Amino acid sequence: MNETYNDKLKEIAEFDFTRWWMGTQEQKDRMLEAYKQNQQDWIKYRDNYCELISVPEQGTHLLSEAILSCMVNMNALRINQIEMIKP
């Protein structure tokens, strides 16, 4: 997921904002900041969600497997989401 995130960050940073209708550097900067903030917020959401769904396994030998499985699945979904972002 980190590689996909960084690739998209680079794509946005290098994008020629003049291709947007009446595009400005300010718009591009806002997109970069929104993308970074969105990723931070998403990581918090993922961590909280995986903690929530692993509650039934707390205190058992299945806890780490449940958390890992959740993280892997959530990261795969996030990769798809990131790939859909088009500057």
C-alpha atoms as a PDB file:
ATOM      1  CA  MET A   1       0.000   0.000   0.000  1.00  0.00           C
ATOM      2  CA  ASN A   2       2.819   2.418   0.816  1.00  0.00           C
ATOM      3  CA  GLU A   3       4.286   2.000  -2.654  1.00  0.00           C
ATOM      4  CA  THR A   4       0.922   2.717  -4.276  1.00  0.00           C
ATOM      5  CA  TYR A   5       0.410   5.726  -2.000  1.00  0.00           C
ATOM      6  CA  ASN A   6       3.850   7.132  -2.814  1.00  0.00           C
ATOM      7  CA  ASP A   7       3.435   6.530  -6.546  1.00  0.00           C
ATOM      8  CA  LYS A   8       0.132   8.442  -6.527  1.00  0.00           C
ATOM      9  CA  LEU A   9       1.648  11.226  -4.415  1.00  0.00           C
ATOM     10  CA  LYS A  10       4.422  11.595  -6.985  1.00  0.00           C
ATOM     11  CA  GLU A  11       1.887  11.527  -9.845  1.00  0.00           C
ATOM     12  CA  ILE A  12      -0.116  14.330  -8.249  1.00  0.00           C
ATOM     13  CA  ALA A  13       2.992  16.350  -7.409  1.00  0.00           C
ATOM     14  CA  GLU A  14       4.274  16.113 -10.986  1.00  0.00           C
ATOM     15  CA  PHE A  15       0.899  16.661 -12.653  1.00  0.00           C
ATOM     16  CA  ASP A  16       0.603  19.675 -14.946  1.00  0.00           C
ATOM     17  CA  PHE A  17      -2.249  21.536 -13.288  1.00  0.00           C
ATOM     18  CA  THR A  18      -2.639  23.756 -16.363  1.00  0.00           C
ATOM     19  CA  ARG A  19      -4.398  20.773 -17.995  1.00  0.00           C
ATOM     20  CA  TRP A  20      -7.339  21.437 -15.649  1.00  0.00           C
ATOM     21  CA  TRP A  21      -9.822  23.986 -16.871  1.00  0.00           C
ATOM     22  CA  MET A  22      -8.659  27.236 -15.263  1.00  0.00           C
ATOM     23  CA  GLY A  23      -6.289  25.175 -13.079  1.00  0.00           C
ATOM     24  CA  THR A  24      -4.095  26.878 -10.525  1.00  0.00           C
ATOM     25  CA  GLN A  25      -1.119  25.941  -8.428  1.00  0.00           C
ATOM     26  CA  GLU A  26      -3.308  26.528  -5.373  1.00  0.00           C
ATOM     27  CA  GLN A  27      -5.748  23.833  -6.562  1.00  0.00           C
ATOM     28  CA  LYS A  28      -2.915  21.387  -7.069  1.00  0.00           C
ATOM     29  CA  ASP A  29      -1.496  22.192  -3.629  1.00  0.00           C
ATOM     30  CA  ARG A  30      -4.932  21.646  -2.072  1.00  0.00           C
ATOM     31  CA  MET A  31      -5.223  18.290  -3.835  1.00  0.00           C
ATOM     32  CA  LEU A  32      -1.826  17.215  -2.486  1.00  0.00           C
ATOM     33  CA  GLU A  33      -2.697  18.241   1.057  1.00  0.00           C
ATOM     34  CA  ALA A  34      -6.140  16.644   0.864  1.00  0.00           C
ATOM     35  CA  TYR A  35      -4.574  13.412  -0.405  1.00  0.00           C
ATOM     36  CA  LYS A  36      -2.040  13.331   2.430  1.00  0.00           C
ATOM     37  CA  GLN A  37      -4.692  14.097   5.064  1.00  0.00           C
ATOM     38  CA  ASN A  38      -7.055  11.535   3.589  1.00  0.00           C
ATOM     39  CA  GLN A  39      -4.390   8.838   3.869  1.00  0.00           C
ATOM     40  CA  GLN A  40      -3.698   9.708   7.509  1.00  0.00           C
ATOM     41  CA  ASP A  41      -7.414   9.634   8.286  1.00  0.00           C
ATOM     42  CA  TRP A  42      -7.834   6.350   6.439  1.00  0.00           C
ATOM     43  CA  ILE A  43      -5.022   4.690   8.402  1.00  0.00           C
ATOM     44  CA  LYS A  44      -6.728   5.725  11.653  1.00  0.00           C
ATOM     45  CA  TYR A  45     -10.023   4.348  10.331  1.00  0.00           C
ATOM     46  CA  ARG A  46      -8.386   1.061   9.297  1.00  0.00           C
ATOM     47  CA  ASP A  47      -6.713   0.612  12.656  1.00  0.00           C
ATOM     48  CA  ASN A  48      -9.915   1.364  14.572  1.00  0.00           C
ATOM     49  CA  TYR A  49     -11.996  -0.864  12.325  1.00  0.00           C
ATOM     50  CA  CYS A  50      -9.603  -3.802  12.621  1.00  0.00           C
ATOM     51  CA  GLU A  51      -9.539  -3.377  16.390  1.00  0.00           C
ATOM     52  CA  LEU A  52     -13.342  -3.349  16.444  1.00  0.00           C
ATOM     53  CA  ILE A  53     -13.822  -6.512  14.431  1.00  0.00           C
ATOM     54  CA  SER A  54     -11.126  -8.363  16.366  1.00  0.00           C
ATOM     55  CA  VAL A  55     -12.802  -7.839  19.757  1.00  0.00           C
ATOM     56  CA  PRO A  56     -14.327 -11.354  19.776  1.00  0.00           C
ATOM     57  CA  GLU A  57     -10.834 -12.843  19.352  1.00  0.00           C
ATOM     58  CA  GLN A  58      -9.230 -10.827  22.163  1.00  0.00           C
ATOM     59  CA  GLY A  59      -7.792 -13.154  24.757  1.00  0.00           C
ATOM     60  CA  THR A  60      -7.497 -16.000  22.246  1.00  0.00           C
ATOM     61  CA  HIS A  61      -4.743 -17.285  20.007  1.00  0.00           C
ATOM     62  CA  LEU A  62      -6.712 -15.985  16.993  1.00  0.00           C
ATOM     63  CA  LEU A  63      -6.257 -12.276  17.799  1.00  0.00           C
ATOM     64  CA  SER A  64      -3.123 -11.642  15.757  1.00  0.00           C
ATOM     65  CA  GLU A  65      -4.535 -13.604  12.811  1.00  0.00           C
ATOM     66  CA  ALA A  66      -7.776 -11.608  12.893  1.00  0.00           C
ATOM     67  CA  ILE A  67      -5.959  -8.271  12.998  1.00  0.00           C
ATOM     68  CA  LEU A  68      -3.501  -9.260  10.277  1.00  0.00           C
ATOM     69  CA  SER A  69      -6.262 -10.568   8.026  1.00  0.00           C
ATOM     70  CA  CYS A  70      -8.227  -7.367   8.486  1.00  0.00           C
ATOM     71  CA  MET A  71      -5.189  -5.188   7.738  1.00  0.00           C
ATOM     72  CA  VAL A  72      -4.349  -7.154   4.581  1.00  0.00           C
ATOM     73  CA  ASN A  73      -7.935  -6.927   3.304  1.00  0.00           C
ATOM     74  CA  MET A  74      -8.294  -3.250   4.154  1.00  0.00           C
ATOM     75  CA  ASN A  75      -4.958  -2.415   2.515  1.00  0.00           C
ATOM     76  CA  ALA A  76      -5.999  -4.221  -0.672  1.00  0.00           C
ATOM     77  CA  LEU A  77      -9.197  -2.170  -0.761  1.00  0.00           C
ATOM     78  CA  ARG A  78      -7.221   1.023  -0.172  1.00  0.00           C
ATOM     79  CA  ILE A  79      -4.868   0.251  -3.051  1.00  0.00           C
ATOM     80  CA  ASN A  80      -7.903   0.074  -5.343  1.00  0.00           C
ATOM     81  CA  GLN A  81      -9.197   3.357  -3.963  1.00  0.00           C
ATOM     82  CA  ILE A  82      -5.874   5.118  -4.476  1.00  0.00           C
ATOM     83  CA  GLU A  83      -5.608   3.835  -8.035  1.00  0.00           C
ATOM     84  CA  MET A  84      -8.998   5.411  -8.826  1.00  0.00           C
ATOM     85  CA  ILE A  85      -7.736   8.902  -7.934  1.00  0.00           C
ATOM     86  CA  LYS A  86      -7.046  10.836 -11.124  1.00  0.00           C
ATOM     87  CA  PRO A  87      -5.477  14.281 -11.044  1.00  0.00           C
END
